Amino acid sequence: MKKALLAVFVLALLAGAVALIYFDPLYRGPEKETPPVVEEQPPQEEKAPPVRYAVEEPLPPAAPSFSEEAAPPPPQERPETFQEGLAALFGQKTLRDLFHLDHFIERFVVTVDNVLASQVPRKFLPLQAPKGRFLVSGGEGDEIVSPYNYRRYAPYVRIAEALDAEKAVALYVRFYPRFQKAYREMGYTSGHFNDRLTEVLDHLLATPEVEEPIRLVRPRVLHEYADPELEALSGGQKALIRTGSENAAALKAKLRQIRAELLERTASSRIRRD
């Protein structure tokens, strides 16, 4: 497997789904449109186990499910570890700089499972959050999302665009039993994580396209979207909008590639289906 640049979003699908921006609250930024100042943040080393989340009803299958039995490795080939697979996709430096590698699969599963909710505790994110803070421009009562804010997400978008969707999904398929195990440990006694993942991909791809500038209000401490229909969207969809229209379009294009590859692998993989 050749080394490919990694991707933040796509890694939340095995490499694919914009998970970082997702938890970037709408804090008040400077009044003037000045380029964001990036502050160095020390890497977080967390060893917390995943939390359990409950659902009211079982989810309908969105695609054929993988069985929990992995396909055997090719003969005369040493099985690679999951972290080695990530390093081959993204490179060691990116892995160190952007990922929380402790309990990574559990973090990933929790994050994907909560994309349709309002938010998930930051400590369970599989990736480092963007540096700096959310930027707003305009005066009191007439505030909009600052175009400079979109630059914070540009490095993640470039990485996502460079991601090899086929190799990313292949890695996910090889280690799928561990994803399914983490899903079970969250409290789901039935169903398959792959179905949930496909549902989340469809949900993110259904994010509406928003005309800019995006207007904001601040009824309390944090900003909210002025349009009540935007504010009513899920945390995952609002996060995707928050990256800016160009970034969101690029990320959605990559998510489509991943979804197509995921469905193809599900249908034709050597992994047995239920």
Protein backbone atom coordinates (compact mmCIF):
# COMPACT_ATOMS: atom_id res chain seq x y z
CA MET A 1 0.00 0.00 0.00
CA LYS A 2 1.62 3.27 -1.10
CA LYS A 3 1.70 6.20 1.26
CA ALA A 4 -1.20 8.58 0.63
CA LEU A 5 -1.99 11.87 2.32
CA LEU A 6 -4.49 11.53 5.07
CA ALA A 7 -7.82 12.98 5.60
CA VAL A 8 -9.66 14.11 8.53
CA PHE A 9 -13.10 13.58 7.33
CA VAL A 10 -12.61 10.56 5.45
CA LEU A 11 -11.16 8.95 8.39
CA ALA A 12 -14.29 9.22 10.13
CA LEU A 13 -15.34 6.68 7.61
CA LEU A 14 -12.35 5.28 7.48
CA ALA A 15 -11.20 8.25 6.41
CA GLY A 16 -13.90 10.05 5.61
CA ALA A 17 -16.18 12.26 7.23
CA VAL A 18 -15.47 15.66 8.50
CA ALA A 19 -15.39 14.95 12.15
CA LEU A 20 -13.34 17.76 13.43
CA ILE A 21 -15.13 20.86 12.44
CA TYR A 22 -18.14 19.18 13.86
CA PHE A 23 -17.33 20.24 17.38
CA ASP A 24 -16.18 23.79 16.79
CA PRO A 25 -18.73 25.93 18.68
CA LEU A 26 -19.78 29.31 17.33
CA TYR A 27 -17.78 31.54 19.67
CA ARG A 28 -17.73 35.26 19.20
CA GLY A 29 -14.76 36.35 17.07
CA PRO A 30 -13.16 39.75 16.45
CA GLU A 31 -15.35 42.45 14.90
CA LYS A 32 -12.90 43.20 12.07
CA GLU A 33 -12.11 40.78 9.30
CA THR A 34 -8.51 40.03 10.19
CA PRO A 35 -6.77 36.77 9.33
CA PRO A 36 -7.08 34.27 12.18
CA VAL A 37 -4.18 33.95 14.57
CA VAL A 38 -3.28 30.31 15.05
CA GLU A 39 -2.34 29.47 18.59
CA GLU A 40 -0.25 26.43 19.32
CA GLN A 41 -2.14 23.88 21.33
CA PRO A 42 -0.38 21.02 23.12
CA PRO A 43 -1.53 17.58 21.97
CA GLN A 44 -4.07 15.96 24.20
CA GLU A 45 -3.29 12.54 25.54
CA GLU A 46 -6.48 10.93 26.70
CA LYS A 47 -6.97 7.38 27.78
CA ALA A 48 -10.68 7.56 28.54
CA PRO A 49 -12.75 4.54 27.44
CA PRO A 50 -15.68 5.14 25.09
CA VAL A 51 -19.05 6.08 26.58
CA ARG A 52 -22.22 4.24 25.86
CA TYR A 53 -25.06 5.93 24.02
CA ALA A 54 -28.53 4.51 23.76
CA VAL A 55 -30.99 4.76 20.87
CA GLU A 56 -34.75 4.72 21.07
CA GLU A 57 -35.32 2.41 18.09
CA PRO A 58 -33.12 0.07 16.06
CA LEU A 59 -31.92 1.61 12.81
CA PRO A 60 -33.10 0.18 9.49
CA PRO A 61 -30.34 -1.32 7.36
CA ALA A 62 -28.97 1.18 4.84
CA ALA A 63 -26.75 -1.30 3.02
CA PRO A 64 -25.76 -4.98 3.22
CA SER A 65 -23.89 -5.59 6.46
CA PHE A 66 -20.51 -7.16 6.96
CA SER A 67 -20.27 -10.21 9.14
CA GLU A 68 -18.16 -9.96 12.24
CA GLU A 69 -15.68 -12.48 10.86
CA ALA A 70 -12.73 -10.92 9.03
CA ALA A 71 -11.32 -12.40 5.83
CA PRO A 72 -8.01 -14.20 6.33
CA PRO A 73 -4.86 -12.36 5.25
CA PRO A 74 -3.20 -13.46 1.99
CA PRO A 75 -0.71 -16.32 2.45
CA GLN A 76 2.90 -15.46 3.34
CA GLU A 77 1.92 -11.94 4.35
CA ARG A 78 2.29 -10.63 7.88
CA PRO A 79 -1.01 -9.10 9.02
CA GLU A 80 -0.62 -5.36 9.43
CA THR A 81 -1.83 -3.60 12.53
CA PHE A 82 -4.53 -0.96 12.26
CA GLN A 83 -2.11 1.81 13.18
CA GLU A 84 0.28 0.64 10.46
CA GLY A 85 -2.60 0.85 8.02
CA LEU A 86 -3.35 4.42 9.09
CA ALA A 87 0.29 5.37 8.77
CA ALA A 88 0.39 3.95 5.23
CA LEU A 89 -2.65 6.04 4.32
CA PHE A 90 -1.69 9.27 5.99
CA GLY A 91 1.97 9.25 6.92
CA GLN A 92 3.49 9.09 10.41
CA LYS A 93 3.81 12.86 10.89
CA THR A 94 0.16 13.57 10.10
CA LEU A 95 -0.83 10.69 12.31
CA ARG A 96 1.09 12.18 15.24
CA ASP A 97 -0.05 15.75 14.61
CA LEU A 98 -3.76 15.24 13.96
CA PHE A 99 -4.97 11.97 15.46
CA HIS A 100 -5.79 10.71 18.93
CA LEU A 101 -4.49 7.17 18.52
CA ASP A 102 -5.49 5.86 21.95
CA HIS A 103 -8.86 4.06 21.62
CA PHE A 104 -9.03 5.41 18.06
CA ILE A 105 -11.59 2.91 16.75
CA GLU A 106 -13.83 3.47 19.78
CA ARG A 107 -13.55 7.25 19.33
CA PHE A 108 -14.37 6.90 15.65
CA VAL A 109 -17.45 4.78 16.29
CA VAL A 110 -18.78 7.15 18.98
CA THR A 111 -18.22 10.16 16.70
CA VAL A 112 -19.94 8.59 13.69
CA ASP A 113 -22.85 7.44 15.83
CA ASN A 114 -23.44 10.98 17.07
CA VAL A 115 -23.15 12.97 13.82
CA LEU A 116 -26.94 13.16 13.67
CA ALA A 117 -27.14 14.52 17.23
CA SER A 118 -26.32 18.04 18.43
CA GLN A 119 -22.78 17.22 19.52
CA VAL A 120 -20.55 14.65 21.21
CA PRO A 121 -18.11 15.25 24.07
CA ARG A 122 -14.87 16.68 22.69
CA LYS A 123 -12.81 14.14 24.62
CA PHE A 124 -14.12 11.36 22.36
CA LEU A 125 -13.05 12.94 19.07
CA PRO A 126 -10.58 10.82 17.06
CA LEU A 127 -8.90 13.95 15.62
CA GLN A 128 -7.38 17.16 16.88
CA ALA A 129 -9.67 20.19 16.59
CA PRO A 130 -8.78 23.06 14.20
CA LYS A 131 -6.49 25.66 15.74
CA GLY A 132 -7.68 29.15 16.55
CA ARG A 133 -11.25 30.18 17.20
CA PHE A 134 -14.37 30.68 15.13
CA LEU A 135 -14.37 34.11 13.46
CA VAL A 136 -17.28 36.49 13.05
CA SER A 137 -17.42 39.80 11.20
CA GLY A 138 -19.91 42.68 11.22
CA GLY A 139 -21.38 44.80 13.96
CA GLU A 140 -23.75 43.99 16.79
CA GLY A 141 -27.04 42.74 15.36
CA ASP A 142 -25.58 42.35 11.86
CA GLU A 143 -22.98 39.61 12.26
CA ILE A 144 -21.99 37.04 9.67
CA VAL A 145 -19.56 34.13 9.47
CA SER A 146 -16.24 35.69 8.48
CA PRO A 147 -14.77 34.38 5.20
CA TYR A 148 -11.41 34.26 6.97
CA ASN A 149 -12.83 31.51 9.15
CA TYR A 150 -12.93 29.09 6.24
CA ARG A 151 -9.13 29.15 6.03
CA ARG A 152 -8.91 27.27 9.32
CA TYR A 153 -10.36 24.21 7.61
CA ALA A 154 -8.38 24.42 4.36
CA PRO A 155 -5.55 22.06 5.49
CA TYR A 156 -8.09 19.39 6.45
CA VAL A 157 -9.89 19.77 3.14
CA ARG A 158 -6.66 19.39 1.16
CA ILE A 159 -5.86 16.23 3.08
CA ALA A 160 -9.36 14.86 2.46
CA GLU A 161 -9.13 15.59 -1.27
CA ALA A 162 -5.83 13.69 -1.49
CA LEU A 163 -7.15 10.65 0.35
CA ASP A 164 -7.32 7.42 -1.63
CA ALA A 165 -10.92 6.35 -0.97
CA GLU A 166 -10.34 2.80 -2.25
CA LYS A 167 -7.43 2.16 0.12
CA ALA A 168 -9.20 3.83 3.03
CA VAL A 169 -12.29 1.67 2.66
CA ALA A 170 -10.12 -1.43 2.17
CA LEU A 171 -8.48 -0.74 5.54
CA TYR A 172 -11.90 -0.30 7.15
CA VAL A 173 -13.10 -3.62 5.67
CA ARG A 174 -10.04 -5.51 6.93
CA PHE A 175 -10.55 -4.28 10.48
CA TYR A 176 -14.34 -4.16 10.44
CA PRO A 177 -14.79 -6.70 13.27
CA ARG A 178 -13.13 -4.23 15.67
CA PHE A 179 -15.51 -1.45 14.58
CA GLN A 180 -18.47 -3.76 15.07
CA LYS A 181 -17.18 -4.80 18.50
CA ALA A 182 -16.88 -1.15 19.56
CA TYR A 183 -20.43 -0.56 18.31
CA ARG A 184 -21.69 -3.44 20.44
CA GLU A 185 -19.85 -2.10 23.47
CA MET A 186 -21.78 1.16 23.15
CA GLY A 187 -24.91 -0.73 24.08
CA TYR A 188 -26.29 -1.80 20.68
CA THR A 189 -27.36 -5.41 21.05
CA SER A 190 -28.34 -5.75 17.40
CA GLY A 191 -27.63 -4.07 14.09
CA HIS A 192 -24.37 -3.29 12.34
CA PHE A 193 -22.03 -0.34 12.51
CA ASN A 194 -21.66 -0.40 8.74
CA ASP A 195 -25.38 0.39 8.39
CA ARG A 196 -24.98 3.32 10.76
CA LEU A 197 -21.96 4.55 8.85
CA THR A 198 -23.85 4.45 5.55
CA GLU A 199 -26.76 6.30 7.13
CA VAL A 200 -24.40 9.02 8.40
CA LEU A 201 -22.79 9.38 4.97
CA ASP A 202 -26.21 9.83 3.38
CA HIS A 203 -27.13 12.36 6.06
CA LEU A 204 -24.01 14.47 5.50
CA LEU A 205 -24.45 14.34 1.72
CA ALA A 206 -27.99 15.68 2.20
CA THR A 207 -26.63 18.85 3.87
CA PRO A 208 -28.27 21.83 2.15
CA GLU A 209 -26.18 24.25 0.13
CA VAL A 210 -26.26 27.65 1.80
CA GLU A 211 -25.84 31.01 0.12
CA GLU A 212 -23.22 33.20 1.74
CA PRO A 213 -22.84 35.35 3.73
CA ILE A 214 -24.29 33.28 6.55
CA ARG A 215 -25.99 35.49 9.11
CA LEU A 216 -25.71 34.90 12.84
CA VAL A 217 -27.50 35.87 16.04
CA ARG A 218 -26.30 35.60 19.60
CA PRO A 219 -29.24 35.15 21.97
CA ARG A 220 -26.94 34.03 24.78
CA VAL A 221 -23.21 33.32 25.02
CA LEU A 222 -22.71 31.46 21.75
CA HIS A 223 -23.68 32.44 18.25
CA GLU A 224 -26.42 30.62 16.36
CA TYR A 225 -27.51 30.68 12.74
CA ALA A 226 -30.08 33.41 12.17
CA ASP A 227 -32.04 31.12 9.84
CA PRO A 228 -34.06 28.81 12.11
CA GLU A 229 -34.00 26.06 9.48
CA LEU A 230 -30.20 26.04 9.53
CA GLU A 231 -30.09 26.15 13.30
CA ALA A 232 -32.40 23.12 13.43
CA LEU A 233 -29.98 20.96 11.42
CA SER A 234 -27.90 18.26 13.08
CA GLY A 235 -24.49 19.00 14.54
CA GLY A 236 -22.81 17.22 11.62
CA GLN A 237 -24.65 19.20 8.95
CA LYS A 238 -24.12 22.54 10.70
CA ALA A 239 -20.44 21.76 11.01
CA LEU A 240 -20.19 21.01 7.31
CA ILE A 241 -21.87 24.33 6.48
CA ARG A 242 -19.50 26.09 8.85
CA THR A 243 -16.51 25.16 6.70
CA GLY A 244 -17.77 27.39 3.88
CA SER A 245 -19.46 26.53 0.59
CA GLU A 246 -16.28 25.65 -1.34
CA ASN A 247 -14.85 23.49 1.42
CA ALA A 248 -18.21 21.78 1.96
CA ALA A 249 -18.51 20.97 -1.75
CA ALA A 250 -15.03 19.42 -1.79
CA LEU A 251 -15.73 17.37 1.33
CA LYS A 252 -19.07 16.13 -0.01
CA ALA A 253 -17.38 15.06 -3.25
CA LYS A 254 -14.94 12.93 -1.25
CA LEU A 255 -17.76 11.51 0.86
CA ARG A 256 -19.55 10.43 -2.33
CA GLN A 257 -16.43 8.57 -3.43
CA ILE A 258 -16.20 6.86 -0.08
CA ARG A 259 -19.87 5.91 -0.04
CA ALA A 260 -19.65 4.42 -3.54
CA GLU A 261 -16.53 2.47 -2.63
CA LEU A 262 -18.07 1.32 0.64
CA LEU A 263 -21.20 -0.03 -1.06
CA GLU A 264 -19.13 -1.78 -3.72
CA ARG A 265 -16.92 -3.39 -1.09
CA THR A 266 -19.95 -4.43 0.92
CA ALA A 267 -21.46 -6.18 -2.09
CA SER A 268 -18.33 -7.83 -3.47
CA SER A 269 -15.97 -8.20 -0.49
CA ARG A 270 -14.50 -11.53 0.54
CA ILE A 271 -16.01 -10.80 3.94
CA ARG A 272 -19.07 -12.93 4.44
CA ARG A 273 -22.39 -11.11 4.65
CA ASP A 274 -25.12 -12.11 7.09
